[in-house]
All heavy atoms as atom14 arrays in JSON, in Angstrom:
{
  "sequence": "GSLRLSCEASEFTFKYYAIGWFRQAPGKEREGVSCVSPSSSSGGTYY",
  "atom14_mask": [
    [1, 1, 1, 1, 0, 0, 0, 0, 0, 0, 0, 0, 0, 0],
    [1, 1, 1, 1, 1, 1, 0, 0, 0, 0, 0, 0, 0, 0],
    [1, 1, 1, 1, 1, 1, 1, 1, 0, 0, 0, 0, 0, 0],
    [1, 1, 1, 1, 1, 1, 1, 1, 1, 1, 1, 0, 0, 0],
    [1, 1, 1, 1, 1, 1, 1, 1, 0, 0, 0, 0, 0, 0],
    [1, 1, 1, 1, 1, 1, 0, 0, 0, 0, 0, 0, 0, 0],
    [1, 1, 1, 1, 1, 1, 0, 0, 0, 0, 0, 0, 0, 0],
    [1, 1, 1, 1, 1, 1, 1, 1, 1, 0, 0, 0, 0, 0],
    [1, 1, 1, 1, 1, 0, 0, 0, 0, 0, 0, 0, 0, 0],
    [1, 1, 1, 1, 1, 1, 0, 0, 0, 0, 0, 0, 0, 0],
    [1, 1, 1, 1, 1, 1, 1, 1, 1, 0, 0, 0, 0, 0],
    [1, 1, 1, 1, 1, 1, 1, 1, 1, 1, 1, 0, 0, 0],
    [1, 1, 1, 1, 1, 1, 1, 0, 0, 0, 0, 0, 0, 0],
    [1, 1, 1, 1, 1, 1, 1, 1, 1, 1, 1, 0, 0, 0],
    [1, 1, 1, 1, 1, 1, 1, 1, 1, 0, 0, 0, 0, 0],
    [1, 1, 1, 1, 1, 1, 1, 1, 1, 1, 1, 1, 0, 0],
    [1, 1, 1, 1, 1, 1, 1, 1, 1, 1, 1, 1, 0, 0],
    [1, 1, 1, 1, 1, 0, 0, 0, 0, 0, 0, 0, 0, 0],
    [1, 1, 1, 1, 1, 1, 1, 1, 0, 0, 0, 0, 0, 0],
    [1, 1, 1, 1, 0, 0, 0, 0, 0, 0, 0, 0, 0, 0],
    [1, 1, 1, 1, 1, 1, 1, 1, 1, 1, 1, 1, 1, 1],
    [1, 1, 1, 1, 1, 1, 1, 1, 1, 1, 1, 0, 0, 0],
    [1, 1, 1, 1, 1, 1, 1, 1, 1, 1, 1, 0, 0, 0],
    [1, 1, 1, 1, 1, 1, 1, 1, 1, 0, 0, 0, 0, 0],
    [1, 1, 1, 1, 1, 0, 0, 0, 0, 0, 0, 0, 0, 0],
    [1, 1, 1, 1, 1, 1, 1, 0, 0, 0, 0, 0, 0, 0],
    [1, 1, 1, 1, 0, 0, 0, 0, 0, 0, 0, 0, 0, 0],
    [1, 1, 1, 1, 1, 1, 1, 1, 1, 0, 0, 0, 0, 0],
    [1, 1, 1, 1, 1, 1, 1, 1, 1, 0, 0, 0, 0, 0],
    [1, 1, 1, 1, 1, 1, 1, 1, 1, 1, 1, 0, 0, 0],
    [1, 1, 1, 1, 1, 1, 1, 1, 1, 0, 0, 0, 0, 0],
    [1, 1, 1, 1, 0, 0, 0, 0, 0, 0, 0, 0, 0, 0],
    [1, 1, 1, 1, 1, 1, 1, 0, 0, 0, 0, 0, 0, 0],
    [1, 1, 1, 1, 1, 1, 0, 0, 0, 0, 0, 0, 0, 0],
    [1, 1, 1, 1, 1, 1, 0, 0, 0, 0, 0, 0, 0, 0],
    [1, 1, 1, 1, 1, 1, 1, 0, 0, 0, 0, 0, 0, 0],
    [1, 1, 1, 1, 1, 1, 0, 0, 0, 0, 0, 0, 0, 0],
    [1, 1, 1, 1, 1, 1, 1, 0, 0, 0, 0, 0, 0, 0],
    [1, 1, 1, 1, 1, 1, 0, 0, 0, 0, 0, 0, 0, 0],
    [1, 1, 1, 1, 1, 1, 0, 0, 0, 0, 0, 0, 0, 0],
    [1, 1, 1, 1, 1, 1, 0, 0, 0, 0, 0, 0, 0, 0],
    [1, 1, 1, 1, 1, 1, 0, 0, 0, 0, 0, 0, 0, 0],
    [1, 1, 1, 1, 0, 0, 0, 0, 0, 0, 0, 0, 0, 0],
    [1, 1, 1, 1, 0, 0, 0, 0, 0, 0, 0, 0, 0, 0],
    [1, 1, 1, 1, 1, 1, 1, 0, 0, 0, 0, 0, 0, 0],
    [1, 1, 1, 1, 1, 1, 1, 1, 1, 1, 1, 1, 0, 0],
    [1, 1, 1, 1, 1, 1, 1, 1, 1, 1, 1, 1, 0, 0]
  ],
  "atom14_positions": [
    [[13.97, -6.12, 14.7], [12.75, -5.62, 15.33], [11.6, -5.49, 14.36], [11.69, -5.88, 13.19], [0.0, 0.0, 0.0], [0.0, 0.0, 0.0], [0.0, 0.0, 0.0], [0.0, 0.0, 0.0], [0.0, 0.0, 0.0], [0.0, 0.0, 0.0], [0.0, 0.0, 0.0], [0.0, 0.0, 0.0], [0.0, 0.0, 0.0], [0.0, 0.0, 0.0]],
    [[10.5, -4.93, 14.88], [9.27, -4.8, 14.09], [8.72, -3.39, 14.19], [8.94, -2.68, 15.18], [8.21, -5.78, 14.62], [8.63, -7.12, 14.49], [0.0, 0.0, 0.0], [0.0, 0.0, 0.0], [0.0, 0.0, 0.0], [0.0, 0.0, 0.0], [0.0, 0.0, 0.0], [0.0, 0.0, 0.0], [0.0, 0.0, 0.0], [0.0, 0.0, 0.0]],
    [[7.99, -3.01, 13.15], [7.23, -1.77, 13.12], [5.95, -2.02, 12.35], [5.92, -2.87, 11.45], [8.0, -0.65, 12.42], [9.02, 0.18, 13.19], [9.68, 1.18, 12.24], [8.38, 0.9, 14.36], [0.0, 0.0, 0.0], [0.0, 0.0, 0.0], [0.0, 0.0, 0.0], [0.0, 0.0, 0.0], [0.0, 0.0, 0.0], [0.0, 0.0, 0.0]],
    [[4.91, -1.26, 12.67], [3.7, -1.31, 11.89], [3.39, 0.09, 11.38], [3.2, 1.02, 12.16], [2.51, -1.83, 12.7], [1.28, -2.09, 11.83], [0.12, -2.66, 12.6], [-0.56, -1.66, 13.41], [-1.77, -1.82, 13.92], [-2.45, -2.94, 13.68], [-2.32, -0.88, 14.66], [0.0, 0.0, 0.0], [0.0, 0.0, 0.0], [0.0, 0.0, 0.0]],
    [[3.34, 0.21, 10.07], [2.97, 1.47, 9.45], [1.48, 1.47, 9.15], [0.89, 0.43, 8.87], [3.75, 1.67, 8.14], [5.27, 1.61, 8.23], [5.88, 1.91, 6.87], [5.81, 2.54, 9.29], [0.0, 0.0, 0.0], [0.0, 0.0, 0.0], [0.0, 0.0, 0.0], [0.0, 0.0, 0.0], [0.0, 0.0, 0.0], [0.0, 0.0, 0.0]],
    [[0.9, 2.66, 9.19], [-0.52, 2.82, 8.86], [-0.67, 3.8, 7.71], [0.1, 4.76, 7.59], [-1.29, 3.36, 10.08], [-1.22, 2.46, 11.17], [0.0, 0.0, 0.0], [0.0, 0.0, 0.0], [0.0, 0.0, 0.0], [0.0, 0.0, 0.0], [0.0, 0.0, 0.0], [0.0, 0.0, 0.0], [0.0, 0.0, 0.0], [0.0, 0.0, 0.0]],
    [[-1.66, 3.56, 6.89], [-2.02, 4.45, 5.79], [-3.51, 4.69, 5.91], [-4.31, 3.75, 5.77], [-1.69, 3.81, 4.46], [-2.2, 4.75, 3.01], [0.0, 0.0, 0.0], [0.0, 0.0, 0.0], [0.0, 0.0, 0.0], [0.0, 0.0, 0.0], [0.0, 0.0, 0.0], [0.0, 0.0, 0.0], [0.0, 0.0, 0.0], [0.0, 0.0, 0.0]],
    [[-3.9, 5.91, 6.2], [-5.29, 6.23, 6.5], [-5.78, 7.34, 5.6], [-5.02, 8.21, 5.18], [-5.4, 6.67, 7.96], [-6.81, 6.91, 8.44], [-6.87, 7.24, 9.93], [-5.79, 7.34, 10.56], [-7.98, 7.4, 10.46], [0.0, 0.0, 0.0], [0.0, 0.0, 0.0], [0.0, 0.0, 0.0], [0.0, 0.0, 0.0], [0.0, 0.0, 0.0]],
    [[-7.06, 7.29, 5.27], [-7.69, 8.37, 4.51], [-9.08, 8.6, 5.07], [-9.71, 7.69, 5.61], [-7.75, 8.03, 3.03], [0.0, 0.0, 0.0], [0.0, 0.0, 0.0], [0.0, 0.0, 0.0], [0.0, 0.0, 0.0], [0.0, 0.0, 0.0], [0.0, 0.0, 0.0], [0.0, 0.0, 0.0], [0.0, 0.0, 0.0], [0.0, 0.0, 0.0]],
    [[-9.56, 9.81, 4.93], [-10.87, 10.16, 5.48], [-12.02, 9.88, 4.51], [-13.17, 9.79, 4.92], [-10.9, 11.64, 5.89], [-10.65, 12.45, 4.75], [0.0, 0.0, 0.0], [0.0, 0.0, 0.0], [0.0, 0.0, 0.0], [0.0, 0.0, 0.0], [0.0, 0.0, 0.0], [0.0, 0.0, 0.0], [0.0, 0.0, 0.0], [0.0, 0.0, 0.0]],
    [[-11.69, 9.73, 3.23], [-12.74, 9.53, 2.23], [-13.36, 8.13, 2.35], [-12.64, 7.14, 2.45], [-12.17, 9.72, 0.82], [-11.67, 11.12, 0.52], [-10.24, 11.36, 0.98], [-9.64, 10.45, 1.59], [-9.72, 12.46, 0.72], [0.0, 0.0, 0.0], [0.0, 0.0, 0.0], [0.0, 0.0, 0.0], [0.0, 0.0, 0.0], [0.0, 0.0, 0.0]],
    [[-14.69, 8.06, 2.29], [-15.34, 6.77, 2.46], [-15.04, 5.83, 1.3], [-15.21, 4.62, 1.41], [-16.86, 6.96, 2.59], [-17.58, 7.25, 1.3], [-18.17, 6.23, 0.57], [-17.65, 8.54, 0.79], [-18.84, 6.48, -0.61], [-18.3, 8.8, -0.39], [-18.9, 7.78, -1.1], [0.0, 0.0, 0.0], [0.0, 0.0, 0.0], [0.0, 0.0, 0.0]],
    [[-14.57, 6.4, 0.18], [-14.26, 5.58, -1.0], [-12.92, 4.88, -0.91], [-12.54, 4.12, -1.79], [-14.27, 6.46, -2.26], [-13.39, 7.58, -2.06], [-15.66, 6.96, -2.57], [0.0, 0.0, 0.0], [0.0, 0.0, 0.0], [0.0, 0.0, 0.0], [0.0, 0.0, 0.0], [0.0, 0.0, 0.0], [0.0, 0.0, 0.0], [0.0, 0.0, 0.0]],
    [[-12.2, 5.14, 0.19], [-10.84, 4.58, 0.36], [-10.84, 3.06, 0.16], [-9.92, 2.49, -0.41], [-10.32, 4.95, 1.74], [-8.89, 4.56, 2.0], [-7.84, 5.17, 1.32], [-8.59, 3.61, 2.97], [-6.53, 4.84, 1.58], [-7.28, 3.26, 3.24], [-6.25, 3.88, 2.55], [0.0, 0.0, 0.0], [0.0, 0.0, 0.0], [0.0, 0.0, 0.0]],
    [[-11.9, 2.4, 0.62], [-11.94, 0.95, 0.58], [-12.03, 0.4, -0.85], [-11.81, -0.79, -1.07], [-13.1, 0.42, 1.41], [-14.47, 0.86, 0.9], [-15.55, 0.35, 1.84], [-16.93, 0.8, 1.41], [-17.98, 0.33, 2.36], [0.0, 0.0, 0.0], [0.0, 0.0, 0.0], [0.0, 0.0, 0.0], [0.0, 0.0, 0.0], [0.0, 0.0, 0.0]],
    [[-12.34, 1.25, -1.8], [-12.46, 0.81, -3.18], [-11.15, 0.97, -3.97], [-11.11, 0.65, -5.15], [-13.58, 1.58, -3.88], [-14.93, 1.38, -3.26], [-15.65, 2.45, -2.73], [-15.49, 0.1, -3.17], [-16.89, 2.26, -2.14], [-16.73, -0.1, -2.58], [-17.43, 0.99, -2.07], [-18.65, 0.79, -1.48], [0.0, 0.0, 0.0], [0.0, 0.0, 0.0]],
    [[-10.12, 1.48, -3.31], [-8.83, 1.69, -3.95], [-7.85, 0.6, -3.58], [-7.84, 0.12, -2.44], [-8.24, 3.04, -3.54], [-8.88, 4.24, -4.19], [-10.13, 4.7, -3.77], [-8.24, 4.93, -5.21], [-10.73, 5.79, -4.37], [-8.83, 6.03, -5.81], [-10.08, 6.46, -5.38], [-10.65, 7.55, -5.97], [0.0, 0.0, 0.0], [0.0, 0.0, 0.0]],
    [[-7.01, 0.22, -4.53], [-5.83, -0.57, -4.19], [-4.82, 0.36, -3.54], [-4.68, 1.53, -3.94], [-5.23, -1.2, -5.44], [0.0, 0.0, 0.0], [0.0, 0.0, 0.0], [0.0, 0.0, 0.0], [0.0, 0.0, 0.0], [0.0, 0.0, 0.0], [0.0, 0.0, 0.0], [0.0, 0.0, 0.0], [0.0, 0.0, 0.0], [0.0, 0.0, 0.0]],
    [[-4.12, -0.14, -2.53], [-3.14, 0.67, -1.8], [-1.77, 0.03, -1.94], [-1.58, -1.16, -1.65], [-3.5, 0.8, -0.32], [-4.89, 1.45, -0.17], [-2.43, 1.6, 0.42], [-5.0, 2.85, -0.74], [0.0, 0.0, 0.0], [0.0, 0.0, 0.0], [0.0, 0.0, 0.0], [0.0, 0.0, 0.0], [0.0, 0.0, 0.0], [0.0, 0.0, 0.0]],
    [[-0.85, 0.83, -2.44], [0.53, 0.37, -2.57], [1.42, 0.98, -1.51], [1.19, 2.12, -1.08], [0.0, 0.0, 0.0], [0.0, 0.0, 0.0], [0.0, 0.0, 0.0], [0.0, 0.0, 0.0], [0.0, 0.0, 0.0], [0.0, 0.0, 0.0], [0.0, 0.0, 0.0], [0.0, 0.0, 0.0], [0.0, 0.0, 0.0], [0.0, 0.0, 0.0]],
    [[2.41, 0.24, -1.1], [3.46, 0.75, -0.21], [4.76, 0.81, -1.0], [5.11, -0.16, -1.69], [3.63, -0.14, 1.01], [2.58, 0.02, 2.05], [1.48, -0.76, 2.24], [2.53, 1.02, 3.06], [0.74, -0.3, 3.3], [1.37, 0.8, 3.83], [3.35, 2.11, 3.4], [1.0, 1.61, 4.91], [3.0, 2.91, 4.47], [1.83, 2.67, 5.22]],
    [[5.46, 1.91, -0.85], [6.73, 2.14, -1.53], [7.75, 2.62, -0.52], [7.39, 3.09, 0.57], [6.57, 3.2, -2.64], [5.64, 2.77, -3.74], [4.27, 2.9, -3.6], [6.15, 2.25, -4.92], [3.41, 2.5, -4.62], [5.3, 1.85, -5.94], [3.94, 1.97, -5.78], [0.0, 0.0, 0.0], [0.0, 0.0, 0.0], [0.0, 0.0, 0.0]],
    [[9.01, 2.54, -0.89], [10.06, 3.09, -0.05], [11.14, 3.69, -0.93], [11.35, 3.27, -2.05], [10.64, 2.04, 0.89], [11.36, 0.88, 0.2], [11.74, -0.17, 1.23], [12.47, -1.28, 0.63], [12.8, -2.38, 1.29], [12.47, -2.52, 2.58], [13.47, -3.35, 0.68], [0.0, 0.0, 0.0], [0.0, 0.0, 0.0], [0.0, 0.0, 0.0]],
    [[11.8, 4.68, -0.37], [12.88, 5.35, -1.1], [13.99, 5.69, -0.13], [13.79, 6.47, 0.81], [12.38, 6.6, -1.81], [13.39, 7.2, -2.76], [12.77, 8.22, -3.7], [11.7, 8.77, -3.44], [13.44, 8.48, -4.81], [0.0, 0.0, 0.0], [0.0, 0.0, 0.0], [0.0, 0.0, 0.0], [0.0, 0.0, 0.0], [0.0, 0.0, 0.0]],
    [[15.15, 5.11, -0.38], [16.34, 5.4, 0.41], [17.13, 6.49, -0.29], [16.99, 6.68, -1.51], [17.18, 4.14, 0.56], [0.0, 0.0, 0.0], [0.0, 0.0, 0.0], [0.0, 0.0, 0.0], [0.0, 0.0, 0.0], [0.0, 0.0, 0.0], [0.0, 0.0, 0.0], [0.0, 0.0, 0.0], [0.0, 0.0, 0.0], [0.0, 0.0, 0.0]],
    [[17.97, 7.21, 0.42], [18.76, 8.29, -0.19], [19.57, 7.79, -1.38], [20.26, 6.77, -1.29], [19.67, 8.75, 0.94], [18.91, 8.42, 2.18], [18.2, 7.14, 1.88], [0.0, 0.0, 0.0], [0.0, 0.0, 0.0], [0.0, 0.0, 0.0], [0.0, 0.0, 0.0], [0.0, 0.0, 0.0], [0.0, 0.0, 0.0], [0.0, 0.0, 0.0]],
    [[19.45, 8.49, -2.5], [20.22, 8.14, -3.68], [19.68, 6.98, -4.48], [20.31, 6.56, -5.46], [0.0, 0.0, 0.0], [0.0, 0.0, 0.0], [0.0, 0.0, 0.0], [0.0, 0.0, 0.0], [0.0, 0.0, 0.0], [0.0, 0.0, 0.0], [0.0, 0.0, 0.0], [0.0, 0.0, 0.0], [0.0, 0.0, 0.0], [0.0, 0.0, 0.0]],
    [[18.53, 6.45, -4.05], [17.96, 5.3, -4.75], [16.59, 5.64, -5.31], [15.93, 6.59, -4.86], [17.86, 4.1, -3.81], [19.21, 3.56, -3.36], [19.04, 2.25, -2.61], [20.39, 1.66, -2.23], [20.25, 0.35, -1.51], [0.0, 0.0, 0.0], [0.0, 0.0, 0.0], [0.0, 0.0, 0.0], [0.0, 0.0, 0.0], [0.0, 0.0, 0.0]],
    [[16.14, 4.84, -6.27], [14.82, 5.03, -6.85], [13.74, 4.53, -5.88], [14.0, 3.69, -5.01], [14.71, 4.29, -8.18], [15.59, 4.86, -9.28], [15.33, 4.21, -10.63], [14.51, 3.28, -10.7], [15.95, 4.66, -11.61], [0.0, 0.0, 0.0], [0.0, 0.0, 0.0], [0.0, 0.0, 0.0], [0.0, 0.0, 0.0], [0.0, 0.0, 0.0]],
    [[12.54, 5.07, -6.07], [11.42, 4.61, -5.26], [11.07, 3.17, -5.65], [10.92, 2.85, -6.82], [10.22, 5.53, -5.47], [9.11, 5.35, -4.47], [8.14, 6.51, -4.5], [8.77, 7.75, -4.06], [8.09, 8.87, -3.8], [6.78, 8.9, -3.93], [8.74, 9.95, -3.41], [0.0, 0.0, 0.0], [0.0, 0.0, 0.0], [0.0, 0.0, 0.0]],
    [[10.94, 2.32, -4.64], [10.77, 0.88, -4.83], [9.4, 0.43, -4.35], [8.99, 0.77, -3.23], [11.85, 0.12, -4.06], [11.7, -1.38, -4.04], [12.63, -2.06, -3.03], [13.14, -1.37, -2.12], [12.82, -3.29, -3.14], [0.0, 0.0, 0.0], [0.0, 0.0, 0.0], [0.0, 0.0, 0.0], [0.0, 0.0, 0.0], [0.0, 0.0, 0.0]],
    [[8.69, -0.35, -5.15], [7.42, -0.93, -4.72], [7.65, -2.04, -3.72], [8.47, -2.92, -3.96], [0.0, 0.0, 0.0], [0.0, 0.0, 0.0], [0.0, 0.0, 0.0], [0.0, 0.0, 0.0], [0.0, 0.0, 0.0], [0.0, 0.0, 0.0], [0.0, 0.0, 0.0], [0.0, 0.0, 0.0], [0.0, 0.0, 0.0], [0.0, 0.0, 0.0]],
    [[6.95, -1.98, -2.59], [7.12, -2.95, -1.51], [5.96, -3.93, -1.46], [6.16, -5.14, -1.34], [7.26, -2.21, -0.17], [7.24, -3.19, 1.0], [8.52, -1.36, -0.15], [0.0, 0.0, 0.0], [0.0, 0.0, 0.0], [0.0, 0.0, 0.0], [0.0, 0.0, 0.0], [0.0, 0.0, 0.0], [0.0, 0.0, 0.0], [0.0, 0.0, 0.0]],
    [[4.74, -3.39, -1.55], [3.57, -4.24, -1.41], [2.37, -3.54, -2.02], [2.36, -2.32, -2.17], [3.3, -4.54, 0.07], [2.14, -5.33, 0.23], [0.0, 0.0, 0.0], [0.0, 0.0, 0.0], [0.0, 0.0, 0.0], [0.0, 0.0, 0.0], [0.0, 0.0, 0.0], [0.0, 0.0, 0.0], [0.0, 0.0, 0.0], [0.0, 0.0, 0.0]],
    [[1.36, -4.34, -2.36], [0.11, -3.77, -2.85], [-1.03, -4.67, -2.42], [-0.93, -5.91, -2.54], [0.13, -3.63, -4.37], [-1.32, -2.79, -5.04], [0.0, 0.0, 0.0], [0.0, 0.0, 0.0], [0.0, 0.0, 0.0], [0.0, 0.0, 0.0], [0.0, 0.0, 0.0], [0.0, 0.0, 0.0], [0.0, 0.0, 0.0], [0.0, 0.0, 0.0]],
    [[-2.11, -4.04, -1.93], [-3.31, -4.8, -1.54], [-4.49, -4.26, -2.33], [-4.73, -3.05, -2.36], [-3.55, -4.74, -0.01], [-3.68, -3.31, 0.49], [-4.77, -5.57, 0.38], [0.0, 0.0, 0.0], [0.0, 0.0, 0.0], [0.0, 0.0, 0.0], [0.0, 0.0, 0.0], [0.0, 0.0, 0.0], [0.0, 0.0, 0.0], [0.0, 0.0, 0.0]],
    [[-5.23, -5.15, -2.96], [-6.37, -4.76, -3.78], [-7.59, -4.48, -2.9], [-7.61, -4.85, -1.72], [-6.7, -5.87, -4.77], [-5.64, -6.08, -5.68], [0.0, 0.0, 0.0], [0.0, 0.0, 0.0], [0.0, 0.0, 0.0], [0.0, 0.0, 0.0], [0.0, 0.0, 0.0], [0.0, 0.0, 0.0], [0.0, 0.0, 0.0], [0.0, 0.0, 0.0]],
    [[-8.61, -3.84, -3.45], [-9.83, -3.63, -2.68], [-10.43, -4.96, -2.23], [-10.38, -5.95, -2.97], [-10.75, -2.92, -3.67], [-9.84, -2.28, -4.64], [-8.66, -3.19, -4.75], [0.0, 0.0, 0.0], [0.0, 0.0, 0.0], [0.0, 0.0, 0.0], [0.0, 0.0, 0.0], [0.0, 0.0, 0.0], [0.0, 0.0, 0.0], [0.0, 0.0, 0.0]],
    [[-10.99, -4.99, -1.03], [-11.54, -6.22, -0.48], [-12.67, -6.77, -1.35], [-12.87, -7.98, -1.44], [-12.07, -5.96, 0.94], [-11.06, -5.45, 1.75], [0.0, 0.0, 0.0], [0.0, 0.0, 0.0], [0.0, 0.0, 0.0], [0.0, 0.0, 0.0], [0.0, 0.0, 0.0], [0.0, 0.0, 0.0], [0.0, 0.0, 0.0], [0.0, 0.0, 0.0]],
    [[-13.42, -5.88, -1.98], [-14.57, -6.28, -2.78], [-14.19, -6.76, -4.17], [-15.06, -7.18, -4.94], [-15.53, -5.1, -2.92], [-14.86, -4.0, -3.51], [0.0, 0.0, 0.0], [0.0, 0.0, 0.0], [0.0, 0.0, 0.0], [0.0, 0.0, 0.0], [0.0, 0.0, 0.0], [0.0, 0.0, 0.0], [0.0, 0.0, 0.0], [0.0, 0.0, 0.0]],
    [[-12.91, -6.73, -4.49], [-12.47, -7.08, -5.84], [-11.89, -8.48, -5.88], [-11.69, -9.13, -4.85], [-11.41, -6.08, -6.32], [-10.18, -6.34, -5.69], [0.0, 0.0, 0.0], [0.0, 0.0, 0.0], [0.0, 0.0, 0.0], [0.0, 0.0, 0.0], [0.0, 0.0, 0.0], [0.0, 0.0, 0.0], [0.0, 0.0, 0.0], [0.0, 0.0, 0.0]],
    [[-11.57, -8.92, -7.07], [-10.91, -10.22, -7.25], [-9.4, -10.07, -7.31], [-8.69, -11.04, -7.58], [-11.42, -10.87, -8.54], [-11.15, -10.03, -9.65], [0.0, 0.0, 0.0], [0.0, 0.0, 0.0], [0.0, 0.0, 0.0], [0.0, 0.0, 0.0], [0.0, 0.0, 0.0], [0.0, 0.0, 0.0], [0.0, 0.0, 0.0], [0.0, 0.0, 0.0]],
    [[-8.93, -8.86, -7.07], [-7.49, -8.61, -7.14], [-6.73, -9.24, -5.99], [-7.3, -9.58, -4.95], [0.0, 0.0, 0.0], [0.0, 0.0, 0.0], [0.0, 0.0, 0.0], [0.0, 0.0, 0.0], [0.0, 0.0, 0.0], [0.0, 0.0, 0.0], [0.0, 0.0, 0.0], [0.0, 0.0, 0.0], [0.0, 0.0, 0.0], [0.0, 0.0, 0.0]],
    [[-5.41, -9.34, -6.17], [-4.58, -10.0, -5.19], [-3.76, -9.04, -4.34], [-3.91, -7.81, -4.4], [0.0, 0.0, 0.0], [0.0, 0.0, 0.0], [0.0, 0.0, 0.0], [0.0, 0.0, 0.0], [0.0, 0.0, 0.0], [0.0, 0.0, 0.0], [0.0, 0.0, 0.0], [0.0, 0.0, 0.0], [0.0, 0.0, 0.0], [0.0, 0.0, 0.0]],
    [[-2.91, -9.64, -3.53], [-1.96, -8.93, -2.69], [-0.57, -9.37, -3.1], [-0.32, -10.56, -3.27], [-2.21, -9.25, -1.2], [-3.54, -8.83, -0.85], [-1.2, -8.52, -0.32], [0.0, 0.0, 0.0], [0.0, 0.0, 0.0], [0.0, 0.0, 0.0], [0.0, 0.0, 0.0], [0.0, 0.0, 0.0], [0.0, 0.0, 0.0], [0.0, 0.0, 0.0]],
    [[0.32, -8.41, -3.26], [1.65, -8.71, -3.8], [2.73, -8.06, -2.95], [2.51, -7.04, -2.3], [1.75, -8.22, -5.24], [0.68, -8.81, -6.13], [-0.47, -8.08, -6.44], [0.79, -10.1, -6.62], [-1.46, -8.63, -7.22], [-0.2, -10.65, -7.42], [-1.33, -9.91, -7.71], [-2.32, -10.46, -8.49], [0.0, 0.0, 0.0], [0.0, 0.0, 0.0]],
    [[3.91, -8.69, -3.0], [5.06, -8.21, -2.25], [6.3, -8.23, -3.14], [6.44, -9.11, -4.0], [5.32, -9.1, -1.03], [4.19, -9.12, -0.03], [3.2, -10.08, -0.09], [4.13, -8.17, 1.0], [2.16, -10.1, 0.82], [3.1, -8.19, 1.92], [2.12, -9.16, 1.81], [1.09, -9.17, 2.73], [0.0, 0.0, 0.0], [0.0, 0.0, 0.0]]
  ]
}
């Protein structure tokens, strides 16, 4: 199946931040899942 998660912030500066998604299962370390750079930057998106 599918799910869509949302990450929201009220600060207008939110768009200037890179946003990472992480996950942590019981007994395991926190794992990086994805990262999206600010739209105005030359940065990339990673998985």
